[in-house]
Amino acid sequence: MQTLQDRVAAVGRVLADPPQVHPRANGVWSTDPACYEYMARLVKPGFHTLETGLGVSTVLFALWECQHTCVVYSEAEVIACRQHFESRGISAESVTFHIGPSERVLPNLTLRDLDLVFVDGCHGFPLATIDWFYAASMLRAGGVAVLDDAQLLQVRLGLFDFLKRDPRWTRIGRRPKWAAYQRRESGALSEEWEQQPFLGVPMRNRYEDLVPPAARPFV
């Protein structure tokens, strides 16, 4: 039976022998080891997990025996990752790959009640927020969203401020490079502005009161 110590130990092994999937990084992009160790403490065999991006975490989710979904843009990265699995004798049976831009793939997934999502795909604004929006909507109540590269303004701009204000999310982990938030409810994240009173009282003035007639666009 897999133990917590087994999962944490796997982090060190994979970091010492990471999958060579990112040519631009001369091997592989990776995050703070503490982030992997943190996720090792959150998951258990059989947990349903999802990530955007691919790399060290993909191998770890397989070793942790999670029912894992990986959304990644590059087919070449998937091929390299599968080769790493095979050459190291790691089973990939519990890992499902979806290849394509995450902003197109995620809306078409029908996953529900995920235990953990790891947002670590494209980091240009607003892609991390889009990944969070779709991936986190698949979380169960009590599920966790882990956001990597929090040091980048492109990742945290707007999103982190929203999560800080929304009482339906609780920050449960934070380092300079990543953050983890636990969701208190489940279901879709799309909602109207009046369902977000924690963002403050909206201006009551009508458009006509704010914009003089001469400045209004012709309709």
N, C-alpha and C. Protein backbone atom coordinates (compact mmCIF):
# COMPACT_ATOMS: atom_id res chain seq x y z
N MET A 1 0.85 -1.20 0.00
CA MET A 1 0.00 0.00 0.00
C MET A 1 0.88 1.25 0.00
N GLN A 2 0.55 2.21 -0.86
CA GLN A 2 1.34 3.43 -0.96
C GLN A 2 1.12 4.32 0.24
N THR A 3 2.18 4.85 0.80
CA THR A 3 2.10 5.73 1.96
C THR A 3 2.48 7.16 1.57
N LEU A 4 2.24 8.08 2.48
CA LEU A 4 2.64 9.47 2.26
C LEU A 4 4.15 9.55 2.06
N GLN A 5 4.88 8.80 2.84
CA GLN A 5 6.34 8.81 2.71
C GLN A 5 6.76 8.33 1.31
N ASP A 6 6.04 7.37 0.77
CA ASP A 6 6.33 6.89 -0.58
C ASP A 6 6.13 8.02 -1.60
N ARG A 7 5.04 8.77 -1.46
CA ARG A 7 4.75 9.84 -2.41
C ARG A 7 5.77 10.96 -2.31
N VAL A 8 6.15 11.32 -1.11
CA VAL A 8 7.16 12.38 -0.94
C VAL A 8 8.51 11.91 -1.48
N ALA A 9 8.86 10.67 -1.22
CA ALA A 9 10.13 10.14 -1.71
C ALA A 9 10.18 10.13 -3.24
N ALA A 10 9.02 9.92 -3.88
CA ALA A 10 8.97 9.92 -5.34
C ALA A 10 9.37 11.27 -5.91
N VAL A 11 9.10 12.34 -5.18
CA VAL A 11 9.45 13.67 -5.67
C VAL A 11 10.96 13.78 -5.88
N GLY A 12 11.72 13.36 -4.90
CA GLY A 12 13.17 13.42 -5.02
C GLY A 12 13.70 12.56 -6.15
N ARG A 13 13.12 11.38 -6.34
CA ARG A 13 13.58 10.48 -7.41
C ARG A 13 13.32 11.08 -8.78
N VAL A 14 12.13 11.65 -8.96
CA VAL A 14 11.80 12.20 -10.27
C VAL A 14 12.60 13.47 -10.56
N LEU A 15 12.81 14.31 -9.56
CA LEU A 15 13.61 15.50 -9.77
C LEU A 15 15.06 15.15 -10.10
N ALA A 16 15.55 14.03 -9.57
CA ALA A 16 16.90 13.59 -9.89
C ALA A 16 16.99 12.98 -11.29
N ASP A 17 15.87 12.54 -11.82
CA ASP A 17 15.81 11.92 -13.14
C ASP A 17 14.55 12.37 -13.85
N PRO A 18 14.48 13.66 -14.21
CA PRO A 18 13.24 14.21 -14.76
C PRO A 18 13.03 13.83 -16.22
N PRO A 19 11.80 13.86 -16.69
CA PRO A 19 11.54 13.57 -18.10
C PRO A 19 12.09 14.71 -18.97
N GLN A 20 12.72 14.35 -20.05
CA GLN A 20 13.30 15.35 -20.96
C GLN A 20 12.25 15.71 -22.01
N VAL A 21 11.40 16.63 -21.65
CA VAL A 21 10.24 16.93 -22.50
C VAL A 21 10.20 18.37 -23.01
N HIS A 22 11.07 19.23 -22.49
CA HIS A 22 11.04 20.64 -22.88
C HIS A 22 12.39 21.07 -23.46
N PRO A 23 12.54 21.00 -24.77
CA PRO A 23 13.82 21.37 -25.40
C PRO A 23 14.26 22.79 -25.05
N ARG A 24 13.32 23.72 -24.94
CA ARG A 24 13.69 25.11 -24.63
C ARG A 24 14.31 25.24 -23.24
N ALA A 25 14.02 24.30 -22.36
CA ALA A 25 14.56 24.34 -21.00
C ALA A 25 15.77 23.43 -20.85
N ASN A 26 16.29 22.94 -21.98
CA ASN A 26 17.39 21.97 -21.94
C ASN A 26 17.04 20.76 -21.07
N GLY A 27 15.81 20.35 -21.14
CA GLY A 27 15.37 19.18 -20.36
C GLY A 27 13.93 19.30 -19.95
N VAL A 28 13.69 20.04 -18.86
CA VAL A 28 12.32 20.15 -18.36
C VAL A 28 12.18 21.39 -17.50
N TRP A 29 11.04 22.07 -17.66
CA TRP A 29 10.69 23.13 -16.73
C TRP A 29 10.15 22.46 -15.46
N SER A 30 10.44 23.03 -14.32
CA SER A 30 9.92 22.47 -13.07
C SER A 30 9.65 23.59 -12.08
N THR A 31 8.88 23.28 -11.07
CA THR A 31 8.57 24.27 -10.06
C THR A 31 9.35 23.99 -8.78
N ASP A 32 9.06 24.72 -7.77
CA ASP A 32 9.66 24.54 -6.46
C ASP A 32 9.41 23.11 -5.96
N PRO A 33 10.44 22.38 -5.54
CA PRO A 33 10.21 21.03 -5.01
C PRO A 33 9.16 20.99 -3.90
N ALA A 34 9.07 22.07 -3.14
CA ALA A 34 8.07 22.11 -2.06
C ALA A 34 6.66 22.03 -2.61
N CYS A 35 6.45 22.49 -3.84
CA CYS A 35 5.12 22.41 -4.45
C CYS A 35 4.75 20.96 -4.72
N TYR A 36 5.69 20.19 -5.27
CA TYR A 36 5.43 18.77 -5.52
C TYR A 36 5.20 18.03 -4.21
N GLU A 37 6.01 18.37 -3.20
CA GLU A 37 5.84 17.70 -1.91
C GLU A 37 4.50 18.06 -1.27
N TYR A 38 4.07 19.30 -1.49
CA TYR A 38 2.77 19.72 -0.97
C TYR A 38 1.65 18.92 -1.62
N MET A 39 1.72 18.78 -2.95
CA MET A 39 0.69 18.01 -3.64
C MET A 39 0.75 16.54 -3.24
N ALA A 40 1.94 16.03 -2.94
CA ALA A 40 2.06 14.65 -2.49
C ALA A 40 1.28 14.43 -1.20
N ARG A 41 1.18 15.47 -0.40
CA ARG A 41 0.43 15.37 0.86
C ARG A 41 -1.07 15.50 0.66
N LEU A 42 -1.46 16.09 -0.47
CA LEU A 42 -2.88 16.29 -0.72
C LEU A 42 -3.55 15.10 -1.40
N VAL A 43 -2.81 14.42 -2.27
CA VAL A 43 -3.42 13.36 -3.08
C VAL A 43 -3.25 11.99 -2.43
N LYS A 44 -4.04 11.06 -2.93
CA LYS A 44 -3.94 9.66 -2.54
C LYS A 44 -4.19 8.82 -3.79
N PRO A 45 -3.76 7.56 -3.79
CA PRO A 45 -4.07 6.70 -4.94
C PRO A 45 -5.56 6.69 -5.24
N GLY A 46 -5.88 6.84 -6.53
CA GLY A 46 -7.28 6.86 -6.93
C GLY A 46 -7.88 8.24 -7.03
N PHE A 47 -7.18 9.26 -6.52
CA PHE A 47 -7.69 10.63 -6.63
C PHE A 47 -7.79 11.01 -8.11
N HIS A 48 -8.76 11.85 -8.41
CA HIS A 48 -8.95 12.34 -9.78
C HIS A 48 -8.31 13.72 -9.89
N THR A 49 -7.33 13.83 -10.77
CA THR A 49 -6.53 15.04 -10.88
C THR A 49 -6.45 15.49 -12.33
N LEU A 50 -6.12 16.76 -12.50
CA LEU A 50 -5.97 17.34 -13.84
C LEU A 50 -4.87 18.37 -13.81
N GLU A 51 -4.11 18.46 -14.88
CA GLU A 51 -3.12 19.53 -14.99
C GLU A 51 -3.11 20.10 -16.41
N THR A 52 -2.75 21.38 -16.50
CA THR A 52 -2.41 21.97 -17.78
C THR A 52 -0.90 22.10 -17.81
N GLY A 53 -0.31 21.66 -18.93
CA GLY A 53 1.14 21.54 -18.99
C GLY A 53 1.56 20.11 -18.71
N LEU A 54 2.84 19.85 -18.87
CA LEU A 54 3.34 18.48 -18.75
C LEU A 54 4.79 18.52 -18.29
N GLY A 55 5.19 17.52 -17.50
CA GLY A 55 6.57 17.47 -17.05
C GLY A 55 6.75 16.60 -15.83
N VAL A 56 7.51 17.10 -14.86
CA VAL A 56 7.77 16.37 -13.62
C VAL A 56 6.46 15.98 -12.94
N SER A 57 5.52 16.91 -12.90
CA SER A 57 4.25 16.64 -12.23
C SER A 57 3.50 15.49 -12.88
N THR A 58 3.58 15.37 -14.21
CA THR A 58 2.88 14.30 -14.91
C THR A 58 3.39 12.94 -14.46
N VAL A 59 4.70 12.82 -14.36
CA VAL A 59 5.30 11.57 -13.89
C VAL A 59 4.89 11.30 -12.45
N LEU A 60 4.86 12.34 -11.63
CA LEU A 60 4.50 12.16 -10.23
C LEU A 60 3.05 11.72 -10.07
N PHE A 61 2.14 12.33 -10.81
CA PHE A 61 0.74 11.93 -10.70
C PHE A 61 0.57 10.45 -11.09
N ALA A 62 1.36 10.00 -12.06
CA ALA A 62 1.31 8.59 -12.43
C ALA A 62 1.84 7.71 -11.30
N LEU A 63 2.97 8.12 -10.72
CA LEU A 63 3.55 7.35 -9.61
C LEU A 63 2.65 7.36 -8.38
N TRP A 64 1.93 8.45 -8.21
CA TRP A 64 1.01 8.55 -7.07
C TRP A 64 -0.29 7.78 -7.32
N GLU A 65 -0.40 7.17 -8.49
CA GLU A 65 -1.55 6.33 -8.86
C GLU A 65 -2.86 7.11 -8.89
N CYS A 66 -2.76 8.35 -9.36
CA CYS A 66 -3.97 9.16 -9.53
C CYS A 66 -4.61 8.85 -10.88
N GLN A 67 -5.90 9.03 -10.96
CA GLN A 67 -6.59 9.00 -12.25
C GLN A 67 -6.42 10.39 -12.85
N HIS A 68 -5.43 10.51 -13.70
CA HIS A 68 -4.90 11.82 -14.07
C HIS A 68 -5.21 12.20 -15.51
N THR A 69 -5.59 13.48 -15.70
CA THR A 69 -5.82 14.04 -17.02
C THR A 69 -4.80 15.14 -17.25
N CYS A 70 -4.09 15.05 -18.38
CA CYS A 70 -3.06 16.03 -18.72
C CYS A 70 -3.45 16.72 -20.01
N VAL A 71 -3.59 18.04 -19.95
CA VAL A 71 -3.91 18.85 -21.13
C VAL A 71 -2.65 19.59 -21.54
N VAL A 72 -2.15 19.30 -22.73
CA VAL A 72 -0.86 19.86 -23.15
C VAL A 72 -0.91 20.22 -24.63
N TYR A 73 -0.24 21.29 -24.98
CA TYR A 73 -0.29 21.81 -26.35
C TYR A 73 0.50 20.93 -27.32
N SER A 74 1.63 20.39 -26.87
CA SER A 74 2.60 19.76 -27.77
C SER A 74 2.49 18.24 -27.80
N GLU A 75 2.25 17.70 -28.98
CA GLU A 75 2.26 16.25 -29.13
C GLU A 75 3.65 15.68 -28.92
N ALA A 76 4.70 16.44 -29.32
CA ALA A 76 6.08 15.97 -29.13
C ALA A 76 6.39 15.78 -27.65
N GLU A 77 5.86 16.64 -26.80
CA GLU A 77 6.07 16.50 -25.36
C GLU A 77 5.40 15.24 -24.84
N VAL A 78 4.23 14.93 -25.33
CA VAL A 78 3.54 13.71 -24.91
C VAL A 78 4.34 12.49 -25.32
N ILE A 79 4.86 12.48 -26.53
CA ILE A 79 5.66 11.35 -27.01
C ILE A 79 6.88 11.17 -26.12
N ALA A 80 7.57 12.27 -25.80
CA ALA A 80 8.75 12.20 -24.95
C ALA A 80 8.40 11.72 -23.54
N CYS A 81 7.25 12.15 -23.05
CA CYS A 81 6.82 11.73 -21.71
C CYS A 81 6.49 10.25 -21.69
N ARG A 82 5.82 9.77 -22.71
CA ARG A 82 5.51 8.34 -22.79
C ARG A 82 6.79 7.51 -22.87
N GLN A 83 7.78 8.01 -23.59
CA GLN A 83 9.06 7.31 -23.67
C GLN A 83 9.73 7.25 -22.31
N HIS A 84 9.61 8.31 -21.55
CA HIS A 84 10.17 8.32 -20.19
C HIS A 84 9.46 7.27 -19.33
N PHE A 85 8.14 7.24 -19.40
CA PHE A 85 7.39 6.22 -18.66
C PHE A 85 7.90 4.82 -19.01
N GLU A 86 7.99 4.55 -20.28
CA GLU A 86 8.36 3.20 -20.73
C GLU A 86 9.78 2.83 -20.32
N SER A 87 10.71 3.76 -20.48
CA SER A 87 12.11 3.47 -20.18
C SER A 87 12.36 3.30 -18.68
N ARG A 88 11.50 3.88 -17.86
CA ARG A 88 11.66 3.76 -16.39
C ARG A 88 10.71 2.74 -15.79
N GLY A 89 9.95 2.07 -16.61
CA GLY A 89 9.03 1.06 -16.10
C GLY A 89 7.88 1.64 -15.31
N ILE A 90 7.45 2.86 -15.66
CA ILE A 90 6.35 3.52 -14.96
C ILE A 90 5.07 3.30 -15.76
N SER A 91 4.03 2.85 -15.10
CA SER A 91 2.76 2.62 -15.79
C SER A 91 2.08 3.96 -16.10
N ALA A 92 1.63 4.09 -17.33
CA ALA A 92 0.90 5.29 -17.75
C ALA A 92 -0.58 4.99 -17.94
N GLU A 93 -1.03 3.86 -17.45
CA GLU A 93 -2.43 3.47 -17.67
C GLU A 93 -3.42 4.43 -17.04
N SER A 94 -3.03 5.09 -15.97
CA SER A 94 -3.96 5.98 -15.28
C SER A 94 -3.88 7.42 -15.78
N VAL A 95 -3.04 7.66 -16.80
CA VAL A 95 -2.86 9.02 -17.33
C VAL A 95 -3.52 9.13 -18.70
N THR A 96 -4.36 10.14 -18.86
CA THR A 96 -5.01 10.43 -20.14
C THR A 96 -4.50 11.76 -20.65
N PHE A 97 -3.98 11.77 -21.88
CA PHE A 97 -3.48 13.00 -22.48
C PHE A 97 -4.50 13.58 -23.45
N HIS A 98 -4.66 14.91 -23.39
CA HIS A 98 -5.46 15.64 -24.36
C HIS A 98 -4.54 16.69 -24.98
N ILE A 99 -4.34 16.62 -26.28
CA ILE A 99 -3.38 17.49 -26.95
C ILE A 99 -4.10 18.64 -27.64
N GLY A 100 -3.64 19.85 -27.37
CA GLY A 100 -4.21 21.04 -27.99
C GLY A 100 -4.14 22.22 -27.05
N PRO A 101 -4.46 23.41 -27.52
CA PRO A 101 -4.49 24.59 -26.65
C PRO A 101 -5.49 24.39 -25.51
N SER A 102 -5.07 24.66 -24.31
CA SER A 102 -5.93 24.38 -23.15
C SER A 102 -7.23 25.17 -23.20
N GLU A 103 -7.18 26.39 -23.77
CA GLU A 103 -8.40 27.19 -23.81
C GLU A 103 -9.44 26.61 -24.76
N ARG A 104 -9.02 25.67 -25.60
CA ARG A 104 -9.96 24.98 -26.49
C ARG A 104 -10.30 23.59 -25.98
N VAL A 105 -9.33 22.94 -25.35
CA VAL A 105 -9.55 21.57 -24.88
C VAL A 105 -10.41 21.54 -23.62
N LEU A 106 -10.07 22.39 -22.65
CA LEU A 106 -10.76 22.32 -21.35
C LEU A 106 -12.28 22.49 -21.44
N PRO A 107 -12.79 23.42 -22.26
CA PRO A 107 -14.25 23.57 -22.30
C PRO A 107 -14.98 22.33 -22.80
N ASN A 108 -14.27 21.44 -23.48
CA ASN A 108 -14.91 20.25 -24.04
C ASN A 108 -14.75 19.00 -23.16
N LEU A 109 -14.06 19.15 -22.04
CA LEU A 109 -13.94 18.02 -21.12
C LEU A 109 -15.19 17.93 -20.26
N THR A 110 -15.55 16.72 -19.89
CA THR A 110 -16.76 16.50 -19.09
C THR A 110 -16.42 15.93 -17.72
N LEU A 111 -15.26 16.26 -17.20
CA LEU A 111 -14.83 15.76 -15.90
C LEU A 111 -15.60 16.46 -14.79
N ARG A 112 -15.82 15.74 -13.71
CA ARG A 112 -16.51 16.29 -12.55
C ARG A 112 -15.89 15.75 -11.27
N ASP A 113 -16.06 16.49 -10.20
CA ASP A 113 -15.63 16.06 -8.86
C ASP A 113 -14.14 15.74 -8.81
N LEU A 114 -13.33 16.57 -9.44
CA LEU A 114 -11.88 16.40 -9.35
C LEU A 114 -11.42 16.74 -7.94
N ASP A 115 -10.35 16.07 -7.53
CA ASP A 115 -9.79 16.32 -6.20
C ASP A 115 -8.74 17.42 -6.22
N LEU A 116 -8.02 17.54 -7.34
CA LEU A 116 -6.95 18.53 -7.43
C LEU A 116 -6.71 18.89 -8.88
N VAL A 117 -6.50 20.18 -9.14
CA VAL A 117 -6.07 20.63 -10.46
C VAL A 117 -4.78 21.43 -10.29
N PHE A 118 -3.87 21.24 -11.24
CA PHE A 118 -2.57 21.92 -11.22
C PHE A 118 -2.48 22.76 -12.48
N VAL A 119 -2.52 24.08 -12.32
CA VAL A 119 -2.49 25.00 -13.46
C VAL A 119 -1.04 25.39 -13.71
N ASP A 120 -0.48 24.85 -14.78
CA ASP A 120 0.94 25.08 -15.08
C ASP A 120 1.18 24.98 -16.59
N GLY A 121 0.23 25.51 -17.36
CA GLY A 121 0.37 25.48 -18.81
C GLY A 121 0.96 26.77 -19.32
N CYS A 122 0.31 27.38 -20.31
CA CYS A 122 0.77 28.66 -20.85
C CYS A 122 0.65 29.74 -19.78
N HIS A 123 1.69 30.57 -19.67
CA HIS A 123 1.71 31.57 -18.61
C HIS A 123 1.48 32.99 -19.12
N GLY A 124 1.22 33.16 -20.41
CA GLY A 124 0.90 34.48 -20.91
C GLY A 124 -0.51 34.88 -20.51
N PHE A 125 -0.69 36.14 -20.17
CA PHE A 125 -2.03 36.62 -19.78
C PHE A 125 -2.97 36.53 -20.97
N PRO A 126 -4.22 36.04 -20.79
CA PRO A 126 -4.88 35.62 -19.55
C PRO A 126 -5.00 34.11 -19.43
N LEU A 127 -4.06 33.36 -20.04
CA LEU A 127 -4.24 31.91 -20.16
C LEU A 127 -4.31 31.19 -18.83
N ALA A 128 -3.52 31.59 -17.83
CA ALA A 128 -3.60 30.92 -16.53
C ALA A 128 -4.97 31.11 -15.89
N THR A 129 -5.54 32.31 -16.07
CA THR A 129 -6.88 32.57 -15.53
C THR A 129 -7.92 31.73 -16.27
N ILE A 130 -7.77 31.61 -17.58
CA ILE A 130 -8.71 30.79 -18.36
C ILE A 130 -8.59 29.33 -17.93
N ASP A 131 -7.36 28.84 -17.76
CA ASP A 131 -7.17 27.46 -17.30
C ASP A 131 -7.82 27.26 -15.94
N TRP A 132 -7.61 28.22 -15.03
CA TRP A 132 -8.24 28.12 -13.70
C TRP A 132 -9.76 28.07 -13.84
N PHE A 133 -10.33 28.93 -14.66
CA PHE A 133 -11.77 29.04 -14.80
C PHE A 133 -12.38 27.70 -15.21
N TYR A 134 -11.81 27.07 -16.21
CA TYR A 134 -12.38 25.81 -16.69
C TYR A 134 -11.99 24.64 -15.79
N ALA A 135 -10.72 24.55 -15.41
CA ALA A 135 -10.27 23.41 -14.62
C ALA A 135 -10.88 23.42 -13.23
N ALA A 136 -10.89 24.58 -12.58
CA ALA A 136 -11.40 24.65 -11.21
C ALA A 136 -12.90 24.43 -11.15
N SER A 137 -13.61 24.67 -12.27
CA SER A 137 -15.05 24.42 -12.29
C SER A 137 -15.35 22.93 -12.18
N MET A 138 -14.34 22.09 -12.42
CA MET A 138 -14.52 20.65 -12.34
C MET A 138 -14.17 20.09 -10.96
N LEU A 139 -13.74 20.96 -10.05
CA LEU A 139 -13.38 20.51 -8.70
C LEU A 139 -14.62 20.18 -7.88
N ARG A 140 -14.49 19.20 -7.02
CA ARG A 140 -15.51 18.92 -6.02
C ARG A 140 -15.41 19.95 -4.91
N ALA A 141 -16.42 20.05 -4.09
CA ALA A 141 -16.32 20.87 -2.89
C ALA A 141 -15.21 20.29 -2.01
N GLY A 142 -14.28 21.12 -1.62
CA GLY A 142 -13.12 20.66 -0.86
C GLY A 142 -11.92 20.36 -1.72
N GLY A 143 -12.10 20.37 -3.05
CA GLY A 143 -10.97 20.15 -3.95
C GLY A 143 -10.03 21.34 -3.97
N VAL A 144 -8.83 21.14 -4.50
CA VAL A 144 -7.78 22.15 -4.42
C VAL A 144 -7.27 22.51 -5.81
N ALA A 145 -7.08 23.81 -6.03
CA ALA A 145 -6.42 24.32 -7.24
C ALA A 145 -5.04 24.81 -6.85
N VAL A 146 -4.01 24.28 -7.51
CA VAL A 146 -2.63 24.71 -7.29
C VAL A 146 -2.19 25.50 -8.52
N LEU A 147 -1.74 26.72 -8.30
CA LEU A 147 -1.35 27.63 -9.37
C LEU A 147 0.15 27.84 -9.34
N ASP A 148 0.82 27.46 -10.43
CA ASP A 148 2.28 27.60 -10.47
C ASP A 148 2.68 28.93 -11.09
N ASP A 149 3.94 29.29 -10.86
CA ASP A 149 4.54 30.52 -11.39
C ASP A 149 3.80 31.76 -10.92
N ALA A 150 3.48 31.77 -9.63
CA ALA A 150 2.79 32.91 -9.04
C ALA A 150 3.66 34.16 -9.02
N GLN A 151 4.96 34.02 -9.28
CA GLN A 151 5.84 35.18 -9.32
C GLN A 151 5.61 36.01 -10.57
N LEU A 152 4.93 35.44 -11.57
CA LEU A 152 4.66 36.15 -12.81
C LEU A 152 3.37 36.97 -12.68
N LEU A 153 3.46 38.25 -13.02
CA LEU A 153 2.28 39.09 -12.98
C LEU A 153 1.21 38.57 -13.93
N GLN A 154 1.64 37.96 -15.05
CA GLN A 154 0.69 37.42 -16.03
C GLN A 154 -0.19 36.33 -15.43
N VAL A 155 0.32 35.65 -14.41
CA VAL A 155 -0.43 34.56 -13.77
C VAL A 155 -1.34 35.09 -12.67
N ARG A 156 -0.82 35.97 -11.84
CA ARG A 156 -1.59 36.39 -10.66
C ARG A 156 -2.47 37.61 -10.91
N LEU A 157 -2.26 38.32 -12.01
CA LEU A 157 -3.00 39.54 -12.28
C LEU A 157 -4.51 39.29 -12.26
N GLY A 158 -5.19 39.93 -11.35
CA GLY A 158 -6.64 39.80 -11.26
C GLY A 158 -7.08 38.54 -10.54
N LEU A 159 -6.54 37.40 -10.91
CA LEU A 159 -7.00 36.12 -10.37
C LEU A 159 -6.72 36.01 -8.88
N PHE A 160 -5.51 36.34 -8.45
CA PHE A 160 -5.18 36.18 -7.04
C PHE A 160 -5.97 37.14 -6.17
N ASP A 161 -6.22 38.34 -6.68
CA ASP A 161 -7.01 39.30 -5.93
C ASP A 161 -8.44 38.81 -5.78
N PHE A 162 -8.97 38.21 -6.86
CA PHE A 162 -10.33 37.66 -6.81
C PHE A 162 -10.40 36.53 -5.78
N LEU A 163 -9.45 35.60 -5.84
CA LEU A 163 -9.46 34.47 -4.92
C LEU A 163 -9.31 34.92 -3.46
N LYS A 164 -8.56 35.98 -3.26
CA LYS A 164 -8.41 36.51 -1.91
C LYS A 164 -9.72 37.06 -1.37
N ARG A 165 -10.53 37.66 -2.24
CA ARG A 165 -11.78 38.28 -1.82
C ARG A 165 -12.95 37.30 -1.75
N ASP A 166 -12.91 36.25 -2.55
CA ASP A 166 -14.04 35.33 -2.64
C ASP A 166 -14.03 34.37 -1.45
N PRO A 167 -15.04 34.43 -0.56
CA PRO A 167 -15.07 33.56 0.62
C PRO A 167 -15.27 32.09 0.27
N ARG A 168 -15.59 31.80 -0.98
CA ARG A 168 -15.78 30.41 -1.39
C ARG A 168 -14.46 29.71 -1.69
N TRP A 169 -13.36 30.47 -1.59
CA TRP A 169 -12.02 29.93 -1.78
C TRP A 169 -11.17 30.25 -0.56
N THR A 170 -10.35 29.30 -0.13
CA THR A 170 -9.46 29.50 1.01
C THR A 170 -8.03 29.18 0.59
N ARG A 171 -7.14 30.12 0.78
CA ARG A 171 -5.73 29.83 0.47
C ARG A 171 -5.17 28.93 1.55
N ILE A 172 -4.66 27.79 1.14
CA ILE A 172 -4.15 26.81 2.11
C ILE A 172 -2.66 26.57 1.97
N GLY A 173 -2.04 27.17 0.95
CA GLY A 173 -0.60 27.03 0.76
C GLY A 173 -0.07 28.16 -0.09
N ARG A 174 1.13 28.66 0.23
CA ARG A 174 1.68 29.78 -0.54
C ARG A 174 3.19 29.81 -0.39
N ARG A 175 3.87 29.87 -1.50
CA ARG A 175 5.29 30.13 -1.59
C ARG A 175 5.48 31.19 -2.69
N PRO A 176 6.66 31.77 -2.81
CA PRO A 176 6.84 32.78 -3.86
C PRO A 176 6.47 32.29 -5.26
N LYS A 177 6.66 31.00 -5.54
CA LYS A 177 6.46 30.50 -6.89
C LYS A 177 5.11 29.83 -7.11
N TRP A 178 4.35 29.54 -6.08
CA TRP A 178 3.08 28.83 -6.27
C TRP A 178 2.13 29.13 -5.12
N ALA A 179 0.87 28.82 -5.36
CA ALA A 179 -0.15 28.99 -4.33
C ALA A 179 -1.20 27.91 -4.50
N ALA A 180 -1.84 27.55 -3.40
CA ALA A 180 -2.89 26.52 -3.41
C ALA A 180 -4.14 27.07 -2.75
N TYR A 181 -5.29 26.86 -3.41
CA TYR A 181 -6.57 27.34 -2.91
C TYR A 181 -7.56 26.19 -2.86
N GLN A 182 -8.29 26.10 -1.75
CA GLN A 182 -9.31 25.07 -1.59
C GLN A 182 -10.67 25.65 -1.91
N ARG A 183 -11.42 24.93 -2.72
CA ARG A 183 -12.75 25.37 -3.10
C ARG A 183 -13.79 24.84 -2.11
N ARG A 184 -14.70 25.71 -1.69
CA ARG A 184 -15.72 25.34 -0.70
C ARG A 184 -17.00 24.84 -1.34
N GLU A 185 -17.18 25.12 -2.63
CA GLU A 185 -18.38 24.70 -3.33
C GLU A 185 -17.98 24.00 -4.62
N SER A 186 -18.94 23.38 -5.26
CA SER A 186 -18.69 22.75 -6.56
C SER A 186 -19.60 23.37 -7.60
N GLY A 187 -19.35 23.05 -8.85
CA GLY A 187 -20.19 23.56 -9.92
C GLY A 187 -19.49 24.58 -10.78
N ALA A 188 -20.19 25.05 -11.80
CA ALA A 188 -19.64 26.01 -12.75
C ALA A 188 -19.24 27.31 -12.05
N LEU A 189 -18.23 27.97 -12.59
CA LEU A 189 -17.76 29.22 -12.01
C LEU A 189 -18.34 30.44 -12.72
N SER A 190 -19.07 30.24 -13.79
CA SER A 190 -19.66 31.37 -14.50
C SER A 190 -20.84 31.92 -13.68
N GLU A 191 -20.87 33.23 -13.50
CA GLU A 191 -21.93 33.85 -12.73
C GLU A 191 -22.00 35.33 -13.07
N GLU A 192 -23.11 35.96 -12.73
CA GLU A 192 -23.27 37.38 -12.96
C GLU A 192 -22.63 38.19 -11.84
N TRP A 193 -22.45 39.49 -12.12
CA TRP A 193 -21.75 40.34 -11.16
C TRP A 193 -22.47 40.45 -9.83
N GLU A 194 -23.81 40.37 -9.83
CA GLU A 194 -24.52 40.52 -8.57
C GLU A 194 -24.35 39.30 -7.66
N GLN A 195 -23.79 38.23 -8.20
CA GLN A 195 -23.51 37.05 -7.38
C GLN A 195 -22.13 37.14 -6.72
N GLN A 196 -21.50 38.30 -6.87
CA GLN A 196 -20.16 38.50 -6.30
C GLN A 196 -20.15 39.76 -5.43
N PRO A 197 -20.97 39.80 -4.40
CA PRO A 197 -21.05 41.01 -3.55
C PRO A 197 -19.75 41.30 -2.81
N PHE A 198 -18.89 40.31 -2.67
CA PHE A 198 -17.62 40.50 -1.97
C PHE A 198 -16.67 41.42 -2.74
N LEU A 199 -16.99 41.73 -3.99
CA LEU A 199 -16.17 42.65 -4.77
C LEU A 199 -16.59 44.10 -4.59
N GLY A 200 -17.61 44.34 -3.76
CA GLY A 200 -18.01 45.70 -3.46
C GLY A 200 -19.33 46.07 -4.10
N VAL A 201 -19.87 47.19 -3.64
CA VAL A 201 -21.14 47.69 -4.15
C VAL A 201 -20.91 48.36 -5.49
N PRO A 202 -21.65 47.98 -6.52
CA PRO A 202 -21.45 48.60 -7.83
C PRO A 202 -21.95 50.05 -7.84
N MET A 203 -21.43 50.81 -8.78
CA MET A 203 -21.89 52.19 -8.95
C MET A 203 -23.36 52.18 -9.36
N ARG A 204 -24.15 53.04 -8.76
CA ARG A 204 -25.57 53.08 -9.03
C ARG A 204 -25.91 53.99 -10.23
N ASN A 205 -24.94 54.81 -10.62
CA ASN A 205 -25.22 55.75 -11.69
C ASN A 205 -25.48 55.03 -12.99
N ARG A 206 -26.46 55.54 -13.72
CA ARG A 206 -26.72 54.99 -15.03
C ARG A 206 -25.71 55.52 -16.03
N TYR A 207 -25.57 54.81 -17.12
CA TYR A 207 -24.66 55.23 -18.17
C TYR A 207 -24.99 56.66 -18.61
N GLU A 208 -26.26 56.97 -18.72
CA GLU A 208 -26.67 58.29 -19.17
C GLU A 208 -26.25 59.39 -18.19
N ASP A 209 -26.14 59.02 -16.91
CA ASP A 209 -25.75 60.01 -15.91
C ASP A 209 -24.25 60.28 -15.95
N LEU A 210 -23.48 59.29 -16.42
CA LEU A 210 -22.03 59.40 -16.41
C LEU A 210 -21.47 60.00 -17.69
N VAL A 211 -22.13 59.73 -18.80
CA VAL A 211 -21.61 60.17 -20.09
C VAL A 211 -22.52 61.23 -20.68
N PRO A 212 -21.99 62.42 -20.94
CA PRO A 212 -22.83 63.48 -21.52
C PRO A 212 -23.29 63.09 -22.91
N PRO A 213 -24.45 63.59 -23.34
CA PRO A 213 -25.02 63.21 -24.64
C PRO A 213 -24.05 63.38 -25.79
N ALA A 214 -23.26 64.45 -25.79
CA ALA A 214 -22.35 64.70 -26.91
C ALA A 214 -21.27 63.64 -27.04
N ALA A 215 -20.97 62.94 -25.92
CA ALA A 215 -19.89 61.95 -25.94
C ALA A 215 -20.38 60.53 -26.16
N ARG A 216 -21.73 60.38 -26.24
CA ARG A 216 -22.26 59.03 -26.41
C ARG A 216 -22.13 58.57 -27.86
N PRO A 217 -21.78 57.30 -28.08
CA PRO A 217 -21.69 56.80 -29.44
C PRO A 217 -23.06 56.75 -30.09
N PHE A 218 -23.08 56.95 -31.40
CA PHE A 218 -24.35 56.89 -32.13
C PHE A 218 -24.87 55.46 -32.16
N VAL A 219 -26.11 55.24 -31.84
CA VAL A 219 -26.74 53.92 -31.86
C VAL A 219 -27.87 53.95 -32.87
